[in-house]
Amino acid sequence: MEVARMVSLAICIAIVLGALGKFAINLAKAYEIKKNADKP
């Protein structure tokens, strides 16, 4: 039972980290686009 709980916890953490990673990548892309748009 304890192993199953640890595995499910690890999966939840992996999903959260993956979502944060995607969000960070999208944020970086948006920042790059905005930075390029600000150039004359």
PDB file of N, CA and C in Angstrom:
ATOM      1  N   MET A   1       0.840  -1.206   0.000  1.00  0.00           N
ATOM      2  CA  MET A   1       0.000   0.000   0.000  1.00  0.00           C
ATOM      3  C   MET A   1       0.869   1.248   0.000  1.00  0.00           C
ATOM      4  N   GLU A   2       1.926   1.242   0.829  1.00  0.00           N
ATOM      5  CA  GLU A   2       2.793   2.419   0.928  1.00  0.00           C
ATOM      6  C   GLU A   2       3.472   2.722  -0.407  1.00  0.00           C
ATOM      7  N   VAL A   3       3.895   1.660  -1.113  1.00  0.00           N
ATOM      8  CA  VAL A   3       4.563   1.847  -2.408  1.00  0.00           C
ATOM      9  C   VAL A   3       3.602   2.489  -3.408  1.00  0.00           C
ATOM     10  N   ALA A   4       2.366   2.020  -3.432  1.00  0.00           N
ATOM     11  CA  ALA A   4       1.375   2.564  -4.365  1.00  0.00           C
ATOM     12  C   ALA A   4       1.144   4.048  -4.088  1.00  0.00           C
ATOM     13  N   ARG A   5       1.117   4.412  -2.806  1.00  0.00           N
ATOM     14  CA  ARG A   5       0.914   5.818  -2.450  1.00  0.00           C
ATOM     15  C   ARG A   5       2.089   6.664  -2.929  1.00  0.00           C
ATOM     16  N   MET A   6       3.300   6.148  -2.748  1.00  0.00           N
ATOM     17  CA  MET A   6       4.493   6.883  -3.192  1.00  0.00           C
ATOM     18  C   MET A   6       4.500   7.046  -4.705  1.00  0.00           C
ATOM     19  N   VAL A   7       4.103   5.986  -5.414  1.00  0.00           N
ATOM     20  CA  VAL A   7       4.063   6.044  -6.879  1.00  0.00           C
ATOM     21  C   VAL A   7       3.039   7.074  -7.344  1.00  0.00           C
ATOM     22  N   SER A   8       1.857   7.068  -6.739  1.00  0.00           N
ATOM     23  CA  SER A   8       0.825   8.025  -7.145  1.00  0.00           C
ATOM     24  C   SER A   8       1.270   9.454  -6.839  1.00  0.00           C
ATOM     25  N   LEU A   9       1.958   9.632  -5.721  1.00  0.00           N
ATOM     26  CA  LEU A   9       2.477  10.953  -5.369  1.00  0.00           C
ATOM     27  C   LEU A   9       3.510  11.405  -6.395  1.00  0.00           C
ATOM     28  N   ALA A  10       4.404  10.488  -6.789  1.00  0.00           N
ATOM     29  CA  ALA A  10       5.431  10.811  -7.785  1.00  0.00           C
ATOM     30  C   ALA A  10       4.790  11.187  -9.118  1.00  0.00           C
ATOM     31  N   ILE A  11       3.725  10.482  -9.492  1.00  0.00           N
ATOM     32  CA  ILE A  11       3.029  10.787 -10.749  1.00  0.00           C
ATOM     33  C   ILE A  11       2.397  12.174 -10.672  1.00  0.00           C
ATOM     34  N   CYS A  12       1.767  12.479  -9.546  1.00  0.00           N
ATOM     35  CA  CYS A  12       1.157  13.806  -9.370  1.00  0.00           C
ATOM     36  C   CYS A  12       2.211  14.899  -9.483  1.00  0.00           C
ATOM     37  N   ILE A  13       3.357  14.701  -8.831  1.00  0.00           N
ATOM     38  CA  ILE A  13       4.443  15.686  -8.885  1.00  0.00           C
ATOM     39  C   ILE A  13       4.933  15.851 -10.319  1.00  0.00           C
ATOM     40  N   ALA A  14       5.080  14.735 -11.038  1.00  0.00           N
ATOM     41  CA  ALA A  14       5.545  14.792 -12.426  1.00  0.00           C
ATOM     42  C   ALA A  14       4.563  15.572 -13.297  1.00  0.00           C
ATOM     43  N   ILE A  15       3.269  15.360 -13.085  1.00  0.00           N
ATOM     44  CA  ILE A  15       2.245  16.074 -13.867  1.00  0.00           C
ATOM     45  C   ILE A  15       2.308  17.572 -13.571  1.00  0.00           C
ATOM     46  N   VAL A  16       2.422  17.918 -12.287  1.00  0.00           N
ATOM     47  CA  VAL A  16       2.490  19.332 -11.905  1.00  0.00           C
ATOM     48  C   VAL A  16       3.736  19.989 -12.498  1.00  0.00           C
ATOM     49  N   LEU A  17       4.887  19.303 -12.390  1.00  0.00           N
ATOM     50  CA  LEU A  17       6.124  19.858 -12.947  1.00  0.00           C
ATOM     51  C   LEU A  17       6.017  20.013 -14.459  1.00  0.00           C
ATOM     52  N   GLY A  18       5.408  19.045 -15.119  1.00  0.00           N
ATOM     53  CA  GLY A  18       5.227  19.125 -16.570  1.00  0.00           C
ATOM     54  C   GLY A  18       4.366  20.318 -16.950  1.00  0.00           C
ATOM     55  N   ALA A  19       3.288  20.537 -16.194  1.00  0.00           N
ATOM     56  CA  ALA A  19       2.404  21.669 -16.472  1.00  0.00           C
ATOM     57  C   ALA A  19       3.143  22.986 -16.242  1.00  0.00           C
ATOM     58  N   LEU A  20       3.916  23.061 -15.153  1.00  0.00           N
ATOM     59  CA  LEU A  20       4.691  24.272 -14.876  1.00  0.00           C
ATOM     60  C   LEU A  20       5.719  24.513 -15.968  1.00  0.00           C
ATOM     61  N   GLY A  21       6.348  23.449 -16.436  1.00  0.00           N
ATOM     62  CA  GLY A  21       7.341  23.564 -17.506  1.00  0.00           C
ATOM     63  C   GLY A  21       6.723  24.108 -18.781  1.00  0.00           C
ATOM     64  N   LYS A  22       5.546  23.574 -19.152  1.00  0.00           N
ATOM     65  CA  LYS A  22       4.848  24.062 -20.347  1.00  0.00           C
ATOM     66  C   LYS A  22       4.507  25.534 -20.189  1.00  0.00           C
ATOM     67  N   PHE A  23       4.018  25.904 -18.999  1.00  0.00           N
ATOM     68  CA  PHE A  23       3.648  27.296 -18.739  1.00  0.00           C
ATOM     69  C   PHE A  23       4.870  28.203 -18.856  1.00  0.00           C
ATOM     70  N   ALA A  24       6.004  27.760 -18.304  1.00  0.00           N
ATOM     71  CA  ALA A  24       7.233  28.553 -18.359  1.00  0.00           C
ATOM     72  C   ALA A  24       7.704  28.725 -19.803  1.00  0.00           C
ATOM     73  N   ILE A  25       7.609  27.657 -20.596  1.00  0.00           N
ATOM     74  CA  ILE A  25       8.026  27.727 -22.004  1.00  0.00           C
ATOM     75  C   ILE A  25       7.124  28.700 -22.764  1.00  0.00           C
ATOM     76  N   ASN A  26       5.814  28.612 -22.538  1.00  0.00           N
ATOM     77  CA  ASN A  26       4.885  29.526 -23.211  1.00  0.00           C
ATOM     78  C   ASN A  26       5.153  30.966 -22.798  1.00  0.00           C
ATOM     79  N   LEU A  27       5.444  31.180 -21.516  1.00  0.00           N
ATOM     80  CA  LEU A  27       5.741  32.514 -21.014  1.00  0.00           C
ATOM     81  C   LEU A  27       7.005  33.052 -21.681  1.00  0.00           C
ATOM     82  N   ALA A  28       8.033  32.221 -21.802  1.00  0.00           N
ATOM     83  CA  ALA A  28       9.286  32.632 -22.433  1.00  0.00           C
ATOM     84  C   ALA A  28       9.063  32.973 -23.905  1.00  0.00           C
ATOM     85  N   LYS A  29       8.270  32.148 -24.598  1.00  0.00           N
ATOM     86  CA  LYS A  29       7.969  32.421 -26.014  1.00  0.00           C
ATOM     87  C   LYS A  29       7.246  33.753 -26.154  1.00  0.00           C
ATOM     88  N   ALA A  30       6.245  33.988 -25.307  1.00  0.00           N
ATOM     89  CA  ALA A  30       5.479  35.232 -25.365  1.00  0.00           C
ATOM     90  C   ALA A  30       6.393  36.425 -25.092  1.00  0.00           C
ATOM     91  N   TYR A  31       7.317  36.272 -24.144  1.00  0.00           N
ATOM     92  CA  TYR A  31       8.255  37.347 -23.815  1.00  0.00           C
ATOM     93  C   TYR A  31       9.166  37.646 -24.999  1.00  0.00           C
ATOM     94  N   GLU A  32       9.661  36.599 -25.659  1.00  0.00           N
ATOM     95  CA  GLU A  32      10.522  36.782 -26.836  1.00  0.00           C
ATOM     96  C   GLU A  32       9.764  37.506 -27.946  1.00  0.00           C
ATOM     97  N   ILE A  33       8.522  37.105 -28.186  1.00  0.00           N
ATOM     98  CA  ILE A  33       7.711  37.746 -29.233  1.00  0.00           C
ATOM     99  C   ILE A  33       7.502  39.222 -28.891  1.00  0.00           C
ATOM    100  N   LYS A  34       7.196  39.499 -27.619  1.00  0.00           N
ATOM    101  CA  LYS A  34       6.962  40.877 -27.188  1.00  0.00           C
ATOM    102  C   LYS A  34       8.244  41.695 -27.329  1.00  0.00           C
ATOM    103  N   LYS A  35       9.374  41.098 -26.947  1.00  0.00           N
ATOM    104  CA  LYS A  35      10.663  41.785 -27.035  1.00  0.00           C
ATOM    105  C   LYS A  35      10.979  42.117 -28.495  1.00  0.00           C
ATOM    106  N   ASN A  36      10.726  41.160 -29.393  1.00  0.00           N
ATOM    107  CA  ASN A  36      10.991  41.387 -30.814  1.00  0.00           C
ATOM    108  C   ASN A  36      10.050  42.445 -31.375  1.00  0.00           C
ATOM    109  N   ALA A  37       8.807  42.476 -30.900  1.00  0.00           N
ATOM    110  CA  ALA A  37       7.833  43.449 -31.387  1.00  0.00           C
ATOM    111  C   ALA A  37       8.201  44.865 -30.939  1.00  0.00           C
ATOM    112  N   ASP A  38       8.870  44.976 -29.796  1.00  0.00           N
ATOM    113  CA  ASP A  38       9.248  46.298 -29.280  1.00  0.00           C
ATOM    114  C   ASP A  38      10.392  46.923 -30.071  1.00  0.00           C
ATOM    115  N   LYS A  39      11.142  46.096 -30.801  1.00  0.00           N
ATOM    116  CA  LYS A  39      12.261  46.640 -31.577  1.00  0.00           C
ATOM    117  C   LYS A  39      11.738  47.483 -32.741  1.00  0.00           C
ATOM    118  N   PRO A  40      12.379  48.614 -33.033  1.00  0.00           N
ATOM    119  CA  PRO A  40      11.941  49.468 -34.139  1.00  0.00           C
ATOM    120  C   PRO A  40      12.149  48.809 -35.489  1.00  0.00           C
TER     121      PRO A  40
END
